[in-house]
Amino acid sequence: MRARGFTLIELMIALVIVSLLLVLAGPQYAKWMADNQIINGADSVANGLRTAMAEAVKQNASIEFVITPASGWVVQPAGGGTAIQTAGFNEGADRVTVTVTPNGLNTVTFSPFGQVAAANADGSAPFTQVDVASSLSDTRALRVLIGGGRTGIKICDPAWPATDPKGCPAVAAGGT
């Protein structure tokens, strides 16, 4: 009568094969996770901007989108007030770097017509783009552009040529 089950050698071979697969797949998995975090961060910013634009039209009032690159963003009435919507980058994008351009600005105000206002309630200029990247090499950074007219709010890939629909336009800024 033969015993059922695995021999120790068969078990060790299976463990070696699984270990090799994990070692080979680990870096690709980390890259995949980083790319997904970048996408989540860019989507979060773009959705917040679209919410602010829609609320400005809906409420027939100036609404601002305020971003804090280290933590998240808030949509609120211009000049402050009760938050309409908030989101944190810890919700699916906690390992990304968020950079606002021009540096030092953090607010975009939308007019009651849904257009980017020339100045915010505090007199500062609105920011024009947000870059979302990862510190992991070989990941795909994304950019969120804030413009007026037909460009609106766009997520694009700076690595693609400007002529490609996935690429970022050469001139990107509110209203140009």
C-alpha atoms as a PDB file:
ATOM      1  CA  MET A   1       0.000   0.000   0.000  1.00  0.00           C
ATOM      2  CA  ARG A   2       1.450   3.358  -1.119  1.00  0.00           C
ATOM      3  CA  ALA A   3       1.219   6.496   1.061  1.00  0.00           C
ATOM      4  CA  ARG A   4      -0.378   9.562  -0.473  1.00  0.00           C
ATOM      5  CA  GLY A   5       1.115  13.060  -0.383  1.00  0.00           C
ATOM      6  CA  PHE A   6       4.271  14.906  -1.395  1.00  0.00           C
ATOM      7  CA  THR A   7       7.830  13.910  -0.730  1.00  0.00           C
ATOM      8  CA  LEU A   8      10.147  16.394   0.877  1.00  0.00           C
ATOM      9  CA  ILE A   9      12.042  16.835  -2.411  1.00  0.00           C
ATOM     10  CA  GLU A  10       8.838  17.604  -4.342  1.00  0.00           C
ATOM     11  CA  LEU A  11       7.832  20.146  -1.726  1.00  0.00           C
ATOM     12  CA  MET A  12      11.276  21.832  -1.824  1.00  0.00           C
ATOM     13  CA  ILE A  13      11.186  22.055  -5.646  1.00  0.00           C
ATOM     14  CA  ALA A  14       7.742  23.646  -5.522  1.00  0.00           C
ATOM     15  CA  LEU A  15       8.932  26.194  -2.938  1.00  0.00           C
ATOM     16  CA  VAL A  16      11.989  27.065  -5.056  1.00  0.00           C
ATOM     17  CA  ILE A  17       9.793  27.617  -8.135  1.00  0.00           C
ATOM     18  CA  VAL A  18       7.354  29.822  -6.191  1.00  0.00           C
ATOM     19  CA  SER A  19      10.259  31.805  -4.686  1.00  0.00           C
ATOM     20  CA  LEU A  20      11.783  32.398  -8.133  1.00  0.00           C
ATOM     21  CA  LEU A  21       8.463  33.589  -9.489  1.00  0.00           C
ATOM     22  CA  LEU A  22       8.051  36.008  -6.579  1.00  0.00           C
ATOM     23  CA  VAL A  23      11.582  37.364  -7.003  1.00  0.00           C
ATOM     24  CA  LEU A  24      11.039  37.907 -10.725  1.00  0.00           C
ATOM     25  CA  ALA A  25       7.552  39.396 -10.371  1.00  0.00           C
ATOM     26  CA  GLY A  26       8.273  41.635  -7.344  1.00  0.00           C
ATOM     27  CA  PRO A  27       9.775  44.634  -9.180  1.00  0.00           C
ATOM     28  CA  GLN A  28       7.050  44.591 -11.828  1.00  0.00           C
ATOM     29  CA  TYR A  29       4.392  44.442  -9.123  1.00  0.00           C
ATOM     30  CA  ALA A  30       5.943  47.431  -7.336  1.00  0.00           C
ATOM     31  CA  LYS A  31       6.011  49.408 -10.618  1.00  0.00           C
ATOM     32  CA  TRP A  32       2.412  48.462 -11.333  1.00  0.00           C
ATOM     33  CA  MET A  33       1.338  49.594  -7.849  1.00  0.00           C
ATOM     34  CA  ALA A  34       3.238  52.892  -8.221  1.00  0.00           C
ATOM     35  CA  ASP A  35       1.624  53.562 -11.619  1.00  0.00           C
ATOM     36  CA  ASN A  36      -1.810  52.889 -10.118  1.00  0.00           C
ATOM     37  CA  GLN A  37      -1.102  55.301  -7.270  1.00  0.00           C
ATOM     38  CA  ILE A  38      -0.099  57.977  -9.814  1.00  0.00           C
ATOM     39  CA  ILE A  39      -3.335  57.391 -11.742  1.00  0.00           C
ATOM     40  CA  ASN A  40      -5.364  57.560  -8.508  1.00  0.00           C
ATOM     41  CA  GLY A  41      -3.688  60.829  -7.488  1.00  0.00           C
ATOM     42  CA  ALA A  42      -4.197  62.466 -10.898  1.00  0.00           C
ATOM     43  CA  ASP A  43      -7.820  61.278 -11.042  1.00  0.00           C
ATOM     44  CA  SER A  44      -8.458  62.625  -7.555  1.00  0.00           C
ATOM     45  CA  VAL A  45      -7.134  66.079  -8.467  1.00  0.00           C
ATOM     46  CA  ALA A  46      -8.999  66.163 -11.799  1.00  0.00           C
ATOM     47  CA  ASN A  47     -12.264  65.046 -10.186  1.00  0.00           C
ATOM     48  CA  GLY A  48     -11.908  67.676  -7.468  1.00  0.00           C
ATOM     49  CA  LEU A  49     -11.331  70.377 -10.077  1.00  0.00           C
ATOM     50  CA  ARG A  50     -14.363  69.194 -12.076  1.00  0.00           C
ATOM     51  CA  THR A  51     -16.448  69.206  -8.894  1.00  0.00           C
ATOM     52  CA  ALA A  52     -15.396  72.793  -8.159  1.00  0.00           C
ATOM     53  CA  MET A  53     -16.228  73.834 -11.723  1.00  0.00           C
ATOM     54  CA  ALA A  54     -19.648  72.147 -11.591  1.00  0.00           C
ATOM     55  CA  GLU A  55     -20.458  73.608  -8.158  1.00  0.00           C
ATOM     56  CA  ALA A  56     -19.588  77.101  -9.386  1.00  0.00           C
ATOM     57  CA  VAL A  57     -22.136  76.782 -12.184  1.00  0.00           C
ATOM     58  CA  LYS A  58     -24.699  75.009  -9.982  1.00  0.00           C
ATOM     59  CA  GLN A  59     -24.516  77.567  -7.172  1.00  0.00           C
ATOM     60  CA  ASN A  60     -23.978  80.547  -9.514  1.00  0.00           C
ATOM     61  CA  ALA A  61     -21.100  81.568  -7.248  1.00  0.00           C
ATOM     62  CA  SER A  62     -17.329  81.581  -7.210  1.00  0.00           C
ATOM     63  CA  ILE A  63     -15.985  78.268  -5.910  1.00  0.00           C
ATOM     64  CA  GLU A  64     -12.357  77.492  -5.187  1.00  0.00           C
ATOM     65  CA  PHE A  65     -10.293  74.341  -5.300  1.00  0.00           C
ATOM     66  CA  VAL A  66      -7.484  74.430  -2.726  1.00  0.00           C
ATOM     67  CA  ILE A  67      -4.764  71.787  -2.881  1.00  0.00           C
ATOM     68  CA  THR A  68      -2.256  70.843  -0.211  1.00  0.00           C
ATOM     69  CA  PRO A  69       0.298  68.663  -2.049  1.00  0.00           C
ATOM     70  CA  ALA A  70       1.291  66.790   1.093  1.00  0.00           C
ATOM     71  CA  SER A  71      -2.213  65.797   2.120  1.00  0.00           C
ATOM     72  CA  GLY A  72      -5.098  66.441  -0.289  1.00  0.00           C
ATOM     73  CA  TRP A  73      -7.575  69.041  -1.500  1.00  0.00           C
ATOM     74  CA  VAL A  74     -10.814  70.834  -0.628  1.00  0.00           C
ATOM     75  CA  VAL A  75     -13.605  72.416  -2.698  1.00  0.00           C
ATOM     76  CA  GLN A  76     -15.149  75.404  -0.897  1.00  0.00           C
ATOM     77  CA  PRO A  77     -16.810  78.763  -1.526  1.00  0.00           C
ATOM     78  CA  ALA A  78     -14.367  81.453  -2.655  1.00  0.00           C
ATOM     79  CA  GLY A  79     -12.647  83.075   0.303  1.00  0.00           C
ATOM     80  CA  GLY A  80     -13.329  80.113   2.596  1.00  0.00           C
ATOM     81  CA  GLY A  81     -16.380  78.671   4.215  1.00  0.00           C
ATOM     82  CA  THR A  82     -17.869  75.241   4.706  1.00  0.00           C
ATOM     83  CA  ALA A  83     -16.141  72.600   2.602  1.00  0.00           C
ATOM     84  CA  ILE A  84     -18.265  71.195  -0.197  1.00  0.00           C
ATOM     85  CA  GLN A  85     -15.979  68.216  -0.788  1.00  0.00           C
ATOM     86  CA  THR A  86     -12.578  67.065   0.465  1.00  0.00           C
ATOM     87  CA  ALA A  87     -10.210  64.254  -0.403  1.00  0.00           C
ATOM     88  CA  GLY A  88      -6.869  63.077   0.880  1.00  0.00           C
ATOM     89  CA  PHE A  89      -4.016  61.558  -1.057  1.00  0.00           C
ATOM     90  CA  ASN A  90      -3.871  58.848   1.603  1.00  0.00           C
ATOM     91  CA  GLU A  91      -6.933  57.374  -0.157  1.00  0.00           C
ATOM     92  CA  GLY A  92      -5.099  55.367  -2.822  1.00  0.00           C
ATOM     93  CA  ALA A  93      -2.254  57.767  -3.610  1.00  0.00           C
ATOM     94  CA  ASP A  94      -0.244  57.946  -0.404  1.00  0.00           C
ATOM     95  CA  ARG A  95       3.113  57.221  -2.066  1.00  0.00           C
ATOM     96  CA  VAL A  96       3.061  59.859  -4.782  1.00  0.00           C
ATOM     97  CA  THR A  97       4.643  63.276  -5.037  1.00  0.00           C
ATOM     98  CA  VAL A  98       2.266  66.087  -5.970  1.00  0.00           C
ATOM     99  CA  THR A  99       3.805  69.263  -7.407  1.00  0.00           C
ATOM    100  CA  VAL A 100       1.797  72.402  -8.191  1.00  0.00           C
ATOM    101  CA  THR A 101       2.896  74.823 -10.928  1.00  0.00           C
ATOM    102  CA  PRO A 102       3.555  77.727 -10.534  1.00  0.00           C
ATOM    103  CA  ASN A 103       5.303  76.790  -7.335  1.00  0.00           C
ATOM    104  CA  GLY A 104       3.866  78.275  -4.155  1.00  0.00           C
ATOM    105  CA  LEU A 105       0.302  78.582  -5.447  1.00  0.00           C
ATOM    106  CA  ASN A 106      -2.430  76.295  -4.177  1.00  0.00           C
ATOM    107  CA  THR A 107      -5.809  77.686  -5.272  1.00  0.00           C
ATOM    108  CA  VAL A 108      -7.919  77.816  -8.429  1.00  0.00           C
ATOM    109  CA  THR A 109     -11.171  79.777  -8.370  1.00  0.00           C
ATOM    110  CA  PHE A 110     -13.968  79.019 -10.815  1.00  0.00           C
ATOM    111  CA  SER A 111     -16.390  81.792 -11.767  1.00  0.00           C
ATOM    112  CA  PRO A 112     -20.174  81.258 -11.811  1.00  0.00           C
ATOM    113  CA  PHE A 113     -19.753  80.456 -15.531  1.00  0.00           C
ATOM    114  CA  GLY A 114     -17.377  77.565 -14.725  1.00  0.00           C
ATOM    115  CA  GLN A 115     -14.319  79.358 -16.065  1.00  0.00           C
ATOM    116  CA  VAL A 116     -11.014  79.812 -14.258  1.00  0.00           C
ATOM    117  CA  ALA A 117     -10.986  83.253 -12.633  1.00  0.00           C
ATOM    118  CA  ALA A 118      -8.030  85.525 -13.381  1.00  0.00           C
ATOM    119  CA  ALA A 119      -7.362  85.906  -9.639  1.00  0.00           C
ATOM    120  CA  ASN A 120      -8.384  84.100  -6.480  1.00  0.00           C
ATOM    121  CA  ALA A 121     -10.265  85.718  -3.590  1.00  0.00           C
ATOM    122  CA  ASP A 122      -6.954  86.499  -1.859  1.00  0.00           C
ATOM    123  CA  GLY A 123      -5.587  88.193  -5.007  1.00  0.00           C
ATOM    124  CA  SER A 124      -3.180  85.388  -5.890  1.00  0.00           C
ATOM    125  CA  ALA A 125      -2.993  83.903  -9.380  1.00  0.00           C
ATOM    126  CA  PRO A 126      -4.516  80.471  -9.953  1.00  0.00           C
ATOM    127  CA  PHE A 127      -2.199  77.506 -10.442  1.00  0.00           C
ATOM    128  CA  THR A 128      -2.176  75.986 -13.931  1.00  0.00           C
ATOM    129  CA  GLN A 129      -0.994  72.420 -13.528  1.00  0.00           C
ATOM    130  CA  VAL A 130      -0.417  69.621 -11.045  1.00  0.00           C
ATOM    131  CA  ASP A 131       2.232  66.950 -11.626  1.00  0.00           C
ATOM    132  CA  VAL A 132       1.781  63.574  -9.968  1.00  0.00           C
ATOM    133  CA  ALA A 133       4.832  61.293  -9.871  1.00  0.00           C
ATOM    134  CA  SER A 134       6.442  58.486  -7.913  1.00  0.00           C
ATOM    135  CA  SER A 135       9.952  58.175  -6.543  1.00  0.00           C
ATOM    136  CA  LEU A 136      10.131  54.660  -7.997  1.00  0.00           C
ATOM    137  CA  SER A 137      12.085  54.531 -11.267  1.00  0.00           C
ATOM    138  CA  ASP A 138      10.439  53.625 -14.585  1.00  0.00           C
ATOM    139  CA  THR A 139       7.004  54.861 -13.547  1.00  0.00           C
ATOM    140  CA  ARG A 140       4.771  57.048 -15.655  1.00  0.00           C
ATOM    141  CA  ALA A 141       4.223  60.554 -14.276  1.00  0.00           C
ATOM    142  CA  LEU A 142       0.959  62.292 -15.111  1.00  0.00           C
ATOM    143  CA  ARG A 143      -0.010  65.953 -15.314  1.00  0.00           C
ATOM    144  CA  VAL A 144      -3.365  67.604 -14.653  1.00  0.00           C
ATOM    145  CA  LEU A 145      -3.818  70.786 -16.698  1.00  0.00           C
ATOM    146  CA  ILE A 146      -6.264  73.502 -15.734  1.00  0.00           C
ATOM    147  CA  GLY A 147      -7.316  75.631 -18.670  1.00  0.00           C
ATOM    148  CA  GLY A 148     -10.195  77.527 -20.062  1.00  0.00           C
ATOM    149  CA  GLY A 149     -12.390  77.043 -23.058  1.00  0.00           C
ATOM    150  CA  ARG A 150     -12.143  73.695 -24.798  1.00  0.00           C
ATOM    151  CA  THR A 151      -9.156  72.423 -22.810  1.00  0.00           C
ATOM    152  CA  GLY A 152     -10.961  72.489 -19.454  1.00  0.00           C
ATOM    153  CA  ILE A 153      -9.354  69.987 -17.115  1.00  0.00           C
ATOM    154  CA  LYS A 154      -7.146  67.390 -18.738  1.00  0.00           C
ATOM    155  CA  ILE A 155      -5.009  64.532 -17.482  1.00  0.00           C
ATOM    156  CA  CYS A 156      -2.065  64.032 -19.812  1.00  0.00           C
ATOM    157  CA  ASP A 157       1.260  62.224 -19.996  1.00  0.00           C
ATOM    158  CA  PRO A 158       4.262  64.580 -20.375  1.00  0.00           C
ATOM    159  CA  ALA A 159       6.288  61.731 -21.898  1.00  0.00           C
ATOM    160  CA  TRP A 160       4.071  61.670 -25.011  1.00  0.00           C
ATOM    161  CA  PRO A 161       4.449  64.248 -27.809  1.00  0.00           C
ATOM    162  CA  ALA A 162       2.196  67.292 -27.581  1.00  0.00           C
ATOM    163  CA  THR A 163       0.569  66.310 -30.885  1.00  0.00           C
ATOM    164  CA  ASP A 164      -0.653  63.001 -29.439  1.00  0.00           C
ATOM    165  CA  PRO A 165      -4.026  63.055 -27.617  1.00  0.00           C
ATOM    166  CA  LYS A 166      -2.339  61.436 -24.576  1.00  0.00           C
ATOM    167  CA  GLY A 167       0.375  64.086 -24.557  1.00  0.00           C
ATOM    168  CA  CYS A 168       0.363  67.452 -22.827  1.00  0.00           C
ATOM    169  CA  PRO A 169      -0.179  70.518 -25.021  1.00  0.00           C
ATOM    170  CA  ALA A 170       2.876  72.760 -25.415  1.00  0.00           C
ATOM    171  CA  VAL A 171       0.969  75.774 -24.110  1.00  0.00           C
ATOM    172  CA  ALA A 172      -0.993  74.896 -21.008  1.00  0.00           C
ATOM    173  CA  ALA A 173      -2.367  77.478 -18.726  1.00  0.00           C
ATOM    174  CA  GLY A 174      -5.649  78.941 -17.670  1.00  0.00           C
ATOM    175  CA  GLY A 175      -7.266  80.502 -20.687  1.00  0.00           C
ATOM    176  CA  THR A 176      -4.384  80.399 -23.203  1.00  0.00           C
END
